[in-house]
PDB file of N, CA and C in Angstrom:
ATOM      1  N   UNK A   1      -9.173 -24.385 -10.952  1.00  0.00           N
ATOM      2  CA  UNK A   1      -8.004 -23.125 -10.544  1.00  0.00           C
ATOM      3  C   UNK A   1      -6.838 -24.164 -10.943  1.00  0.00           C
ATOM      4  N   UNK A   2      -5.783 -23.239 -11.561  1.00  0.00           N
ATOM      5  CA  UNK A   2      -4.596 -23.478 -11.878  1.00  0.00           C
ATOM      6  C   UNK A   2      -3.695 -23.563 -10.789  1.00  0.00           C
ATOM      7  N   UNK A   3      -3.180 -24.641 -10.473  1.00  0.00           N
ATOM      8  CA  UNK A   3      -1.954 -24.894  -9.589  1.00  0.00           C
ATOM      9  C   UNK A   3      -0.809 -24.950  -9.923  1.00  0.00           C
ATOM     10  N   UNK A   4      -0.011 -24.017  -9.619  1.00  0.00           N
ATOM     11  CA  UNK A   4       1.571 -24.048  -9.851  1.00  0.00           C
ATOM     12  C   UNK A   4       2.191 -25.326  -9.168  1.00  0.00           C
ATOM     13  N   UNK A   5       3.103 -26.041  -9.760  1.00  0.00           N
ATOM     14  CA  UNK A   5       3.616 -27.202  -9.535  1.00  0.00           C
ATOM     15  C   UNK A   5       4.571 -27.101  -8.148  1.00  0.00           C
ATOM     16  N   UNK A   6       5.146 -25.919  -8.349  1.00  0.00           N
ATOM     17  CA  UNK A   6       6.163 -25.674  -7.125  1.00  0.00           C
ATOM     18  C   UNK A   6       5.179 -25.220  -5.774  1.00  0.00           C
ATOM     19  N   UNK A   7       4.048 -24.848  -5.969  1.00  0.00           N
ATOM     20  CA  UNK A   7       3.384 -24.497  -4.579  1.00  0.00           C
ATOM     21  C   UNK A   7       2.137 -25.632  -4.265  1.00  0.00           C
ATOM     22  N   UNK A   8       2.262 -26.582  -5.127  1.00  0.00           N
ATOM     23  CA  UNK A   8       1.199 -27.600  -4.499  1.00  0.00           C
ATOM     24  C   UNK A   8       1.430 -29.120  -5.102  1.00  0.00           C
ATOM     25  N   UNK A   9       1.919 -29.800  -4.003  1.00  0.00           N
ATOM     26  CA  UNK A   9       2.203 -31.367  -4.696  1.00  0.00           C
ATOM     27  C   UNK A   9       1.586 -32.627  -3.892  1.00  0.00           C
ATOM     28  N   UNK A  10       0.785 -33.108  -4.976  1.00  0.00           N
ATOM     29  CA  UNK A  10       0.243 -34.223  -4.356  1.00  0.00           C
ATOM     30  C   UNK A  10       0.567 -35.444  -4.680  1.00  0.00           C
ATOM     31  N   UNK A  11       1.096 -36.450  -3.585  1.00  0.00           N
ATOM     32  CA  UNK A  11       1.774 -37.785  -3.982  1.00  0.00           C
ATOM     33  C   UNK A  11       0.475 -38.793  -3.688  1.00  0.00           C
ATOM     34  N   UNK A  12       0.573 -40.008  -4.650  1.00  0.00           N
ATOM     35  CA  UNK A  12      -0.741 -40.850  -4.490  1.00  0.00           C
ATOM     36  C   UNK A  12      -0.224 -41.772  -3.216  1.00  0.00           C
ATOM     37  N   UNK A  13       0.859 -41.798  -2.825  1.00  0.00           N
ATOM     38  CA  UNK A  13       1.029 -42.800  -1.765  1.00  0.00           C
ATOM     39  C   UNK A  13       1.096 -42.067  -0.338  1.00  0.00           C
ATOM     40  N   UNK A  14       0.810 -40.865  -0.454  1.00  0.00           N
ATOM     41  CA  UNK A  14       1.086 -40.334   0.870  1.00  0.00           C
ATOM     42  C   UNK A  14      -0.418 -39.343   0.957  1.00  0.00           C
ATOM     43  N   UNK A  15      -1.169 -39.462   2.078  1.00  0.00           N
ATOM     44  CA  UNK A  15      -2.046 -38.772   1.859  1.00  0.00           C
ATOM     45  C   UNK A  15      -2.003 -37.062   2.047  1.00  0.00           C
ATOM     46  N   UNK A  16      -2.677 -36.212   1.671  1.00  0.00           N
ATOM     47  CA  UNK A  16      -2.448 -34.908   1.865  1.00  0.00           C
ATOM     48  C   UNK A  16      -1.926 -34.287   0.858  1.00  0.00           C
ATOM     49  N   UNK A  17      -1.519 -33.234   1.002  1.00  0.00           N
ATOM     50  CA  UNK A  17      -0.607 -32.468  -0.139  1.00  0.00           C
ATOM     51  C   UNK A  17       0.570 -31.488   0.701  1.00  0.00           C
ATOM     52  N   UNK A  18       1.290 -31.114  -0.036  1.00  0.00           N
ATOM     53  CA  UNK A  18       2.393 -30.022   0.381  1.00  0.00           C
ATOM     54  C   UNK A  18       1.965 -28.739  -0.205  1.00  0.00           C
ATOM     55  N   UNK A  19       1.534 -27.923   0.832  1.00  0.00           N
ATOM     56  CA  UNK A  19       1.478 -26.434   0.122  1.00  0.00           C
ATOM     57  C   UNK A  19       2.384 -25.366   0.574  1.00  0.00           C
ATOM     58  N   UNK A  20       2.538 -24.478  -0.460  1.00  0.00           N
ATOM     59  CA  UNK A  20       3.527 -23.498  -0.314  1.00  0.00           C
ATOM     60  C   UNK A  20       2.877 -22.341   0.206  1.00  0.00           C
ATOM     61  N   UNK A  21       3.661 -21.349   0.520  1.00  0.00           N
ATOM     62  CA  UNK A  21       3.153 -20.270   1.577  1.00  0.00           C
ATOM     63  C   UNK A  21       2.314 -19.263   0.466  1.00  0.00           C
ATOM     64  N   UNK A  22       2.563 -19.308  -0.731  1.00  0.00           N
ATOM     65  CA  UNK A  22       1.955 -18.308  -1.765  1.00  0.00           C
ATOM     66  C   UNK A  22       0.468 -18.750  -1.978  1.00  0.00           C
ATOM     67  N   UNK A  23      -0.034 -17.811  -1.930  1.00  0.00           N
ATOM     68  CA  UNK A  23      -1.831 -18.068  -1.924  1.00  0.00           C
ATOM     69  C   UNK A  23      -2.312 -17.656  -2.983  1.00  0.00           C
ATOM     70  N   UNK A  24      -1.667 -17.285  -4.186  1.00  0.00           N
ATOM     71  CA  UNK A  24      -2.487 -16.635  -5.378  1.00  0.00           C
ATOM     72  C   UNK A  24      -1.812 -17.337  -6.486  1.00  0.00           C
ATOM     73  N   UNK A  25      -2.311 -17.336  -7.663  1.00  0.00           N
ATOM     74  CA  UNK A  25      -1.937 -18.174  -8.772  1.00  0.00           C
ATOM     75  C   UNK A  25      -2.363 -17.223 -10.184  1.00  0.00           C
ATOM     76  N   UNK A  26      -2.528 -15.823 -10.039  1.00  0.00           N
ATOM     77  CA  UNK A  26      -2.647 -15.285 -11.114  1.00  0.00           C
ATOM     78  C   UNK A  26      -1.740 -13.674 -11.075  1.00  0.00           C
ATOM     79  N   UNK A  27      -1.371 -13.367 -12.046  1.00  0.00           N
ATOM     80  CA  UNK A  27      -0.614 -12.166 -11.845  1.00  0.00           C
ATOM     81  C   UNK A  27      -1.396 -11.094 -11.244  1.00  0.00           C
ATOM     82  N   UNK A  28      -2.897 -10.806 -11.622  1.00  0.00           N
ATOM     83  CA  UNK A  28      -3.683  -9.681 -10.947  1.00  0.00           C
ATOM     84  C   UNK A  28      -3.641  -9.756  -9.306  1.00  0.00           C
ATOM     85  N   UNK A  29      -3.375 -10.959  -8.950  1.00  0.00           N
ATOM     86  CA  UNK A  29      -3.889 -11.377  -7.482  1.00  0.00           C
ATOM     87  C   UNK A  29      -2.572 -10.781  -6.899  1.00  0.00           C
ATOM     88  N   UNK A  30      -1.339 -11.048  -7.410  1.00  0.00           N
ATOM     89  CA  UNK A  30       0.111 -10.224  -6.986  1.00  0.00           C
ATOM     90  C   UNK A  30      -0.110  -8.746  -6.844  1.00  0.00           C
ATOM     91  N   UNK A  31      -0.666  -8.262  -7.841  1.00  0.00           N
ATOM     92  CA  UNK A  31      -0.615  -6.595  -8.120  1.00  0.00           C
ATOM     93  C   UNK A  31      -1.612  -6.070  -7.159  1.00  0.00           C
ATOM     94  N   UNK A  32      -3.108  -6.847  -7.033  1.00  0.00           N
ATOM     95  CA  UNK A  32      -3.901  -6.250  -6.301  1.00  0.00           C
ATOM     96  C   UNK A  32      -3.417  -6.095  -4.622  1.00  0.00           C
ATOM     97  N   UNK A  33      -2.729  -7.274  -4.339  1.00  0.00           N
ATOM     98  CA  UNK A  33      -2.588  -7.516  -2.730  1.00  0.00           C
ATOM     99  C   UNK A  33      -1.433  -7.053  -2.347  1.00  0.00           C
ATOM    100  N   UNK A  34      -0.214  -7.446  -3.031  1.00  0.00           N
ATOM    101  CA  UNK A  34       1.193  -6.890  -2.873  1.00  0.00           C
ATOM    102  C   UNK A  34       1.733  -5.541  -3.238  1.00  0.00           C
ATOM    103  N   UNK A  35       1.643  -5.421  -4.413  1.00  0.00           N
ATOM    104  CA  UNK A  35       1.937  -4.179  -5.220  1.00  0.00           C
ATOM    105  C   UNK A  35       1.306  -2.752  -4.734  1.00  0.00           C
ATOM    106  N   UNK A  36      -0.096  -2.895  -4.690  1.00  0.00           N
ATOM    107  CA  UNK A  36      -0.865  -1.680  -4.270  1.00  0.00           C
ATOM    108  C   UNK A  36      -0.690  -1.345  -2.976  1.00  0.00           C
ATOM    109  N   UNK A  37      -0.624  -2.413  -1.991  1.00  0.00           N
ATOM    110  CA  UNK A  37      -0.070  -1.909  -0.526  1.00  0.00           C
ATOM    111  C   UNK A  37       1.142  -1.035  -0.427  1.00  0.00           C
ATOM    112  N   UNK A  38       1.986  -1.446  -1.237  1.00  0.00           N
ATOM    113  CA  UNK A  38       3.268  -0.761  -1.113  1.00  0.00           C
ATOM    114  C   UNK A  38       3.372   0.500  -1.940  1.00  0.00           C
ATOM    115  N   UNK A  39       2.591   0.558  -3.077  1.00  0.00           N
ATOM    116  CA  UNK A  39       2.321   1.911  -3.717  1.00  0.00           C
ATOM    117  C   UNK A  39       1.417   2.925  -2.926  1.00  0.00           C
ATOM    118  N   UNK A  40       0.660   2.562  -2.204  1.00  0.00           N
ATOM    119  CA  UNK A  40      -0.278   3.409  -1.439  1.00  0.00           C
ATOM    120  C   UNK A  40       0.367   3.551  -0.120  1.00  0.00           C
ATOM    121  N   UNK A  41       1.444   2.717   0.608  1.00  0.00           N
ATOM    122  CA  UNK A  41       2.204   2.980   1.430  1.00  0.00           C
ATOM    123  C   UNK A  41       3.208   4.240   1.188  1.00  0.00           C
ATOM    124  N   UNK A  42       3.881   3.983   0.042  1.00  0.00           N
ATOM    125  CA  UNK A  42       4.798   5.201  -0.352  1.00  0.00           C
ATOM    126  C   UNK A  42       4.004   6.609  -0.944  1.00  0.00           C
ATOM    127  N   UNK A  43       3.065   6.265  -1.422  1.00  0.00           N
ATOM    128  CA  UNK A  43       2.024   7.562  -1.902  1.00  0.00           C
ATOM    129  C   UNK A  43       1.759   8.464  -0.286  1.00  0.00           C
ATOM    130  N   UNK A  44       1.244   7.407   0.731  1.00  0.00           N
ATOM    131  CA  UNK A  44       0.843   8.089   1.845  1.00  0.00           C
ATOM    132  C   UNK A  44       1.849   9.021   2.667  1.00  0.00           C
ATOM    133  N   UNK A  45       3.113   7.915   2.569  1.00  0.00           N
ATOM    134  CA  UNK A  45       4.248   8.742   3.547  1.00  0.00           C
ATOM    135  C   UNK A  45       4.818   9.962   2.349  1.00  0.00           C
ATOM    136  N   UNK A  46       4.844   9.972   1.395  1.00  0.00           N
ATOM    137  CA  UNK A  46       5.371  10.913   0.318  1.00  0.00           C
ATOM    138  C   UNK A  46       4.014  12.323   0.823  1.00  0.00           C
ATOM    139  N   UNK A  47       3.005  11.738   0.783  1.00  0.00           N
ATOM    140  CA  UNK A  47       1.635  12.946   1.059  1.00  0.00           C
ATOM    141  C   UNK A  47       2.210  13.471   2.406  1.00  0.00           C
ATOM    142  N   UNK A  48       2.494  12.805   3.526  1.00  0.00           N
ATOM    143  CA  UNK A  48       2.693  13.054   4.891  1.00  0.00           C
ATOM    144  C   UNK A  48       3.878  14.007   4.875  1.00  0.00           C
ATOM    145  N   UNK A  49       5.044  13.561   4.150  1.00  0.00           N
ATOM    146  CA  UNK A  49       6.123  14.386   4.343  1.00  0.00           C
ATOM    147  C   UNK A  49       6.038  15.581   3.374  1.00  0.00           C
ATOM    148  N   UNK A  50       5.118  15.905   2.210  1.00  0.00           N
ATOM    149  CA  UNK A  50       4.786  16.941   1.590  1.00  0.00           C
ATOM    150  C   UNK A  50       4.029  17.991   2.620  1.00  0.00           C
ATOM    151  N   UNK A  51       2.952  17.474   3.089  1.00  0.00           N
ATOM    152  CA  UNK A  51       2.342  18.070   3.997  1.00  0.00           C
ATOM    153  C   UNK A  51       3.033  19.045   4.820  1.00  0.00           C
ATOM    154  N   UNK A  52       3.888  18.109   5.892  1.00  0.00           N
ATOM    155  CA  UNK A  52       4.736  18.749   6.781  1.00  0.00           C
ATOM    156  C   UNK A  52       5.941  19.826   6.190  1.00  0.00           C
ATOM    157  N   UNK A  53       6.418  19.633   5.077  1.00  0.00           N
ATOM    158  CA  UNK A  53       7.124  20.291   4.849  1.00  0.00           C
ATOM    159  C   UNK A  53       6.428  21.714   4.123  1.00  0.00           C
ATOM    160  N   UNK A  54       5.407  21.571   3.597  1.00  0.00           N
ATOM    161  CA  UNK A  54       4.387  22.548   3.058  1.00  0.00           C
ATOM    162  C   UNK A  54       4.292  23.395   4.366  1.00  0.00           C
ATOM    163  N   UNK A  55       3.748  22.731   5.483  1.00  0.00           N
ATOM    164  CA  UNK A  55       3.484  23.449   6.755  1.00  0.00           C
ATOM    165  C   UNK A  55       4.380  24.323   7.442  1.00  0.00           C
ATOM    166  N   UNK A  56       5.798  23.833   7.349  1.00  0.00           N
ATOM    167  CA  UNK A  56       7.233  24.037   7.758  1.00  0.00           C
ATOM    168  C   UNK A  56       7.172  25.400   6.972  1.00  0.00           C
ATOM    169  N   UNK A  57       6.981  25.309   5.725  1.00  0.00           N
ATOM    170  CA  UNK A  57       7.254  26.487   5.035  1.00  0.00           C
ATOM    171  C   UNK A  57       6.442  27.729   5.048  1.00  0.00           C
ATOM    172  N   UNK A  58       4.971  27.399   5.313  1.00  0.00           N
ATOM    173  CA  UNK A  58       4.434  28.435   5.685  1.00  0.00           C
ATOM    174  C   UNK A  58       4.292  28.881   7.136  1.00  0.00           C
ATOM    175  N   UNK A  59       4.876  28.160   7.952  1.00  0.00           N
ATOM    176  CA  UNK A  59       4.996  28.765   9.320  1.00  0.00           C
ATOM    177  C   UNK A  59       6.210  29.528   9.413  1.00  0.00           C
ATOM    178  N   UNK A  60       7.471  29.368   8.541  1.00  0.00           N
ATOM    179  CA  UNK A  60       8.720  30.027   8.588  1.00  0.00           C
ATOM    180  C   UNK A  60       8.704  30.983   7.342  1.00  0.00           C
ATOM    181  N   UNK A  61       7.890  31.346   6.719  1.00  0.00           N
ATOM    182  CA  UNK A  61       7.761  32.169   5.725  1.00  0.00           C
ATOM    183  C   UNK A  61       7.976  33.483   6.318  1.00  0.00           C
ATOM    184  N   UNK A  62       7.526  33.947   7.489  1.00  0.00           N
ATOM    185  CA  UNK A  62       7.594  35.255   8.121  1.00  0.00           C
ATOM    186  C   UNK A  62       7.107  36.150   7.411  1.00  0.00           C
ATOM    187  N   UNK A  63       6.063  36.383   6.567  1.00  0.00           N
ATOM    188  CA  UNK A  63       5.501  37.508   5.721  1.00  0.00           C
ATOM    189  C   UNK A  63       6.102  37.184   4.618  1.00  0.00           C
ATOM    190  N   UNK A  64       6.923  36.370   4.081  1.00  0.00           N
ATOM    191  CA  UNK A  64       7.520  36.644   2.779  1.00  0.00           C
ATOM    192  C   UNK A  64       6.681  36.191   1.461  1.00  0.00           C
ATOM    193  N   UNK A  65       6.252  36.840   0.468  1.00  0.00           N
ATOM    194  CA  UNK A  65       4.875  36.427  -0.157  1.00  0.00           C
ATOM    195  C   UNK A  65       5.751  34.983  -1.078  1.00  0.00           C
ATOM    196  N   UNK A  66       6.936  35.108  -1.400  1.00  0.00           N
ATOM    197  CA  UNK A  66       7.216  34.149  -2.311  1.00  0.00           C
ATOM    198  C   UNK A  66       7.409  32.808  -1.584  1.00  0.00           C
ATOM    199  N   UNK A  67       8.025  32.672  -0.035  1.00  0.00           N
ATOM    200  CA  UNK A  67       7.883  31.450   0.676  1.00  0.00           C
ATOM    201  C   UNK A  67       6.270  31.030   0.617  1.00  0.00           C
ATOM    202  N   UNK A  68       5.612  31.903   1.061  1.00  0.00           N
ATOM    203  CA  UNK A  68       4.381  31.540   1.303  1.00  0.00           C
ATOM    204  C   UNK A  68       3.497  31.048   0.265  1.00  0.00           C
ATOM    205  N   UNK A  69       3.806  31.286  -1.111  1.00  0.00           N
ATOM    206  CA  UNK A  69       3.195  30.908  -2.351  1.00  0.00           C
ATOM    207  C   UNK A  69       3.863  29.612  -2.516  1.00  0.00           C
ATOM    208  N   UNK A  70       5.098  29.365  -2.286  1.00  0.00           N
ATOM    209  CA  UNK A  70       5.628  28.092  -2.477  1.00  0.00           C
ATOM    210  C   UNK A  70       5.067  27.092  -1.448  1.00  0.00           C
ATOM    211  N   UNK A  71       4.756  27.307  -0.222  1.00  0.00           N
ATOM    212  CA  UNK A  71       3.845  26.754   0.940  1.00  0.00           C
ATOM    213  C   UNK A  71       2.780  26.067   0.121  1.00  0.00           C
ATOM    214  N   UNK A  72       2.172  26.984  -0.098  1.00  0.00           N
ATOM    215  CA  UNK A  72       0.765  26.933  -0.613  1.00  0.00           C
ATOM    216  C   UNK A  72       0.638  25.782  -2.029  1.00  0.00           C
ATOM    217  N   UNK A  73       1.698  26.112  -2.864  1.00  0.00           N
ATOM    218  CA  UNK A  73       1.791  25.507  -3.903  1.00  0.00           C
ATOM    219  C   UNK A  73       2.143  23.918  -3.876  1.00  0.00           C
ATOM    220  N   UNK A  74       3.231  23.756  -2.720  1.00  0.00           N
ATOM    221  CA  UNK A  74       3.615  22.420  -2.492  1.00  0.00           C
ATOM    222  C   UNK A  74       2.372  21.610  -1.833  1.00  0.00           C
ATOM    223  N   UNK A  75       1.547  22.256  -0.803  1.00  0.00           N
ATOM    224  CA  UNK A  75       0.739  21.583  -0.269  1.00  0.00           C
ATOM    225  C   UNK A  75      -0.661  21.276  -1.233  1.00  0.00           C
ATOM    226  N   UNK A  76      -0.933  22.021  -2.355  1.00  0.00           N
ATOM    227  CA  UNK A  76      -1.551  21.808  -3.517  1.00  0.00           C
ATOM    228  C   UNK A  76      -1.276  20.475  -4.400  1.00  0.00           C
ATOM    229  N   UNK A  77      -0.089  20.633  -4.696  1.00  0.00           N
ATOM    230  CA  UNK A  77       0.575  19.671  -5.424  1.00  0.00           C
ATOM    231  C   UNK A  77       0.201  18.440  -4.831  1.00  0.00           C
ATOM    232  N   UNK A  78       0.634  17.946  -3.182  1.00  0.00           N
ATOM    233  CA  UNK A  78       0.730  16.936  -2.571  1.00  0.00           C
ATOM    234  C   UNK A  78      -0.439  16.363  -2.564  1.00  0.00           C
ATOM    235  N   UNK A  79      -1.569  17.350  -2.460  1.00  0.00           N
ATOM    236  CA  UNK A  79      -3.121  16.780  -2.408  1.00  0.00           C
ATOM    237  C   UNK A  79      -3.486  16.274  -3.862  1.00  0.00           C
ATOM    238  N   UNK A  80      -3.008  16.874  -4.659  1.00  0.00           N
ATOM    239  CA  UNK A  80      -3.710  16.651  -6.048  1.00  0.00           C
ATOM    240  C   UNK A  80      -3.073  15.483  -6.427  1.00  0.00           C
ATOM    241  N   UNK A  81      -1.722  15.095  -6.144  1.00  0.00           N
ATOM    242  CA  UNK A  81      -0.901  14.142  -6.752  1.00  0.00           C
ATOM    243  C   UNK A  81      -1.532  12.739  -5.742  1.00  0.00           C
ATOM    244  N   UNK A  82      -1.570  12.711  -4.668  1.00  0.00           N
ATOM    245  CA  UNK A  82      -2.450  11.663  -3.941  1.00  0.00           C
ATOM    246  C   UNK A  82      -3.724  11.402  -4.490  1.00  0.00           C
ATOM    247  N   UNK A  83      -4.707  12.458  -4.891  1.00  0.00           N
ATOM    248  CA  UNK A  83      -6.030  11.967  -5.567  1.00  0.00           C
ATOM    249  C   UNK A  83      -6.005  11.396  -7.120  1.00  0.00           C
ATOM    250  N   UNK A  84      -4.799  12.099  -7.524  1.00  0.00           N
ATOM    251  CA  UNK A  84      -4.727  11.265  -8.898  1.00  0.00           C
ATOM    252  C   UNK A  84      -4.407   9.849  -8.681  1.00  0.00           C
ATOM    253  N   UNK A  85      -3.271   9.415  -7.711  1.00  0.00           N
ATOM    254  CA  UNK A  85      -3.201   8.253  -7.751  1.00  0.00           C
ATOM    255  C   UNK A  85      -4.305   7.354  -7.131  1.00  0.00           C
ATOM    256  N   UNK A  86      -4.985   7.729  -6.344  1.00  0.00           N
ATOM    257  CA  UNK A  86      -6.343   7.202  -5.609  1.00  0.00           C
ATOM    258  C   UNK A  86      -7.244   7.155  -6.621  1.00  0.00           C
ATOM    259  N   UNK A  87      -7.709   8.039  -7.422  1.00  0.00           N
ATOM    260  CA  UNK A  87      -8.775   8.071  -8.198  1.00  0.00           C
ATOM    261  C   UNK A  87      -8.306   6.986  -9.638  1.00  0.00           C
ATOM    262  N   UNK A  88      -7.053   7.114 -10.129  1.00  0.00           N
ATOM    263  CA  UNK A  88      -6.492   6.161 -10.889  1.00  0.00           C
ATOM    264  C   UNK A  88      -6.851   4.606 -10.545  1.00  0.00           C
ATOM    265  N   UNK A  89      -6.120   4.241  -9.306  1.00  0.00           N
ATOM    266  CA  UNK A  89      -6.473   2.952  -8.872  1.00  0.00           C
ATOM    267  C   UNK A  89      -8.081   2.633  -9.004  1.00  0.00           C
ATOM    268  N   UNK A  90      -8.912   3.225  -8.184  1.00  0.00           N
ATOM    269  CA  UNK A  90     -10.364   3.095  -8.208  1.00  0.00           C
ATOM    270  C   UNK A  90     -10.992   3.030  -9.708  1.00  0.00           C
ATOM    271  N   UNK A  91     -10.448   3.901 -10.413  1.00  0.00           N
ATOM    272  CA  UNK A  91     -11.081   3.866 -11.974  1.00  0.00           C
ATOM    273  C   UNK A  91     -10.576   2.470 -12.480  1.00  0.00           C
ATOM    274  N   UNK A  92      -9.668   2.229 -12.335  1.00  0.00           N
ATOM    275  CA  UNK A  92      -9.127   0.742 -12.970  1.00  0.00           C
ATOM    276  C   UNK A  92     -10.101  -0.438 -12.375  1.00  0.00           C
ATOM    277  N   UNK A  93     -10.256  -0.366 -11.137  1.00  0.00           N
ATOM    278  CA  UNK A  93     -11.110  -1.076 -10.217  1.00  0.00           C
ATOM    279  C   UNK A  93     -12.507  -1.213 -10.880  1.00  0.00           C
ATOM    280  N   UNK A  94     -12.895   0.064 -11.154  1.00  0.00           N
ATOM    281  CA  UNK A  94     -14.340   0.093 -11.328  1.00  0.00           C
ATOM    282  C   UNK A  94     -14.585  -0.427 -12.907  1.00  0.00           C
ATOM    283  N   UNK A  95     -13.567   0.142 -13.750  1.00  0.00           N
ATOM    284  CA  UNK A  95     -13.577  -0.640 -15.420  1.00  0.00           C
ATOM    285  C   UNK A  95     -13.627  -2.061 -15.164  1.00  0.00           C
ATOM    286  N   UNK A  96     -12.748  -2.442 -14.357  1.00  0.00           N
ATOM    287  CA  UNK A  96     -12.493  -4.260 -14.262  1.00  0.00           C
ATOM    288  C   UNK A  96     -13.967  -4.788 -13.888  1.00  0.00           C
ATOM    289  N   UNK A  97     -14.557  -4.096 -12.942  1.00  0.00           N
ATOM    290  CA  UNK A  97     -16.223  -4.573 -12.561  1.00  0.00           C
ATOM    291  C   UNK A  97     -16.931  -4.459 -13.600  1.00  0.00           C
ATOM    292  N   UNK A  98     -17.101  -3.391 -14.304  1.00  0.00           N
ATOM    293  CA  UNK A  98     -18.009  -3.042 -15.649  1.00  0.00           C
ATOM    294  C   UNK A  98     -17.787  -3.676 -16.530  1.00  0.00           C
ATOM    295  N   UNK A  99     -16.517  -4.009 -17.097  1.00  0.00           N
ATOM    296  CA  UNK A  99     -16.145  -5.186 -18.192  1.00  0.00           C
ATOM    297  C   UNK A  99     -15.832  -6.275 -17.958  1.00  0.00           C
ATOM    298  N   UNK A 100     -16.032  -6.679 -16.352  1.00  0.00           N
ATOM    299  CA  UNK A 100     -15.760  -8.134 -16.364  1.00  0.00           C
ATOM    300  C   UNK A 100     -14.579  -8.856 -16.260  1.00  0.00           C
ATOM    301  N   UNK A 101     -13.624  -7.995 -15.980  1.00  0.00           N
ATOM    302  CA  UNK A 101     -12.077  -8.545 -16.123  1.00  0.00           C
ATOM    303  C   UNK A 101     -12.015  -8.802 -14.455  1.00  0.00           C
ATOM    304  N   UNK A 102     -11.694 -10.328 -14.535  1.00  0.00           N
ATOM    305  CA  UNK A 102     -11.640 -10.936 -13.107  1.00  0.00           C
ATOM    306  C   UNK A 102     -10.380 -10.504 -12.352  1.00  0.00           C
ATOM    307  N   UNK A 103      -9.420 -10.340 -13.334  1.00  0.00           N
ATOM    308  CA  UNK A 103      -8.004 -10.272 -12.709  1.00  0.00           C
ATOM    309  C   UNK A 103      -7.919  -9.011 -11.730  1.00  0.00           C
ATOM    310  N   UNK A 104      -8.565  -7.747 -12.104  1.00  0.00           N
ATOM    311  CA  UNK A 104      -8.491  -6.675 -11.511  1.00  0.00           C
ATOM    312  C   UNK A 104      -9.373  -6.438 -10.416  1.00  0.00           C
ATOM    313  N   UNK A 105     -10.526  -7.307 -10.480  1.00  0.00           N
ATOM    314  CA  UNK A 105     -11.648  -7.048  -9.509  1.00  0.00           C
ATOM    315  C   UNK A 105     -11.546  -7.560  -7.931  1.00  0.00           C
ATOM    316  N   UNK A 106     -10.524  -8.493  -7.662  1.00  0.00           N
ATOM    317  CA  UNK A 106     -10.498  -9.082  -6.283  1.00  0.00           C
ATOM    318  C   UNK A 106     -10.428  -7.958  -5.323  1.00  0.00           C
ATOM    319  N   UNK A 107     -10.410  -6.791  -5.166  1.00  0.00           N
ATOM    320  CA  UNK A 107     -10.722  -5.802  -4.369  1.00  0.00           C
ATOM    321  C   UNK A 107     -12.087  -5.729  -3.871  1.00  0.00           C
ATOM    322  N   UNK A 108     -13.002  -5.879  -4.748  1.00  0.00           N
ATOM    323  CA  UNK A 108     -14.294  -6.148  -4.636  1.00  0.00           C
ATOM    324  C   UNK A 108     -15.226  -6.957  -3.814  1.00  0.00           C
ATOM    325  N   UNK A 109     -14.139  -8.297  -3.776  1.00  0.00           N
ATOM    326  CA  UNK A 109     -14.203  -9.270  -3.021  1.00  0.00           C
ATOM    327  C   UNK A 109     -14.483  -9.399  -1.671  1.00  0.00           C
TER     328      UNK A 109
END
């Protein structure tokens, strides 16, 4: 395992070592643990807001076909967009598992 000097320091005269708070050593670990949580958090929040907005538009359409179609279209786009993000992430993870790329396989461990 590659140790980053700023994160781990061992001095010969003193028993033990100084450990930093960061527990990853590769860029793939940062992406899988931190970035994807943020991305899926924002995607979920966006999905919720789009569904609420589409529902409000559908409820307040009052028989207006144009507003009704707009609400249905917004709901469809929200669900399809979230599915694209979800399938893209799992597609990359599956490709990493198939081709043996260790940096992007940490979600399967």
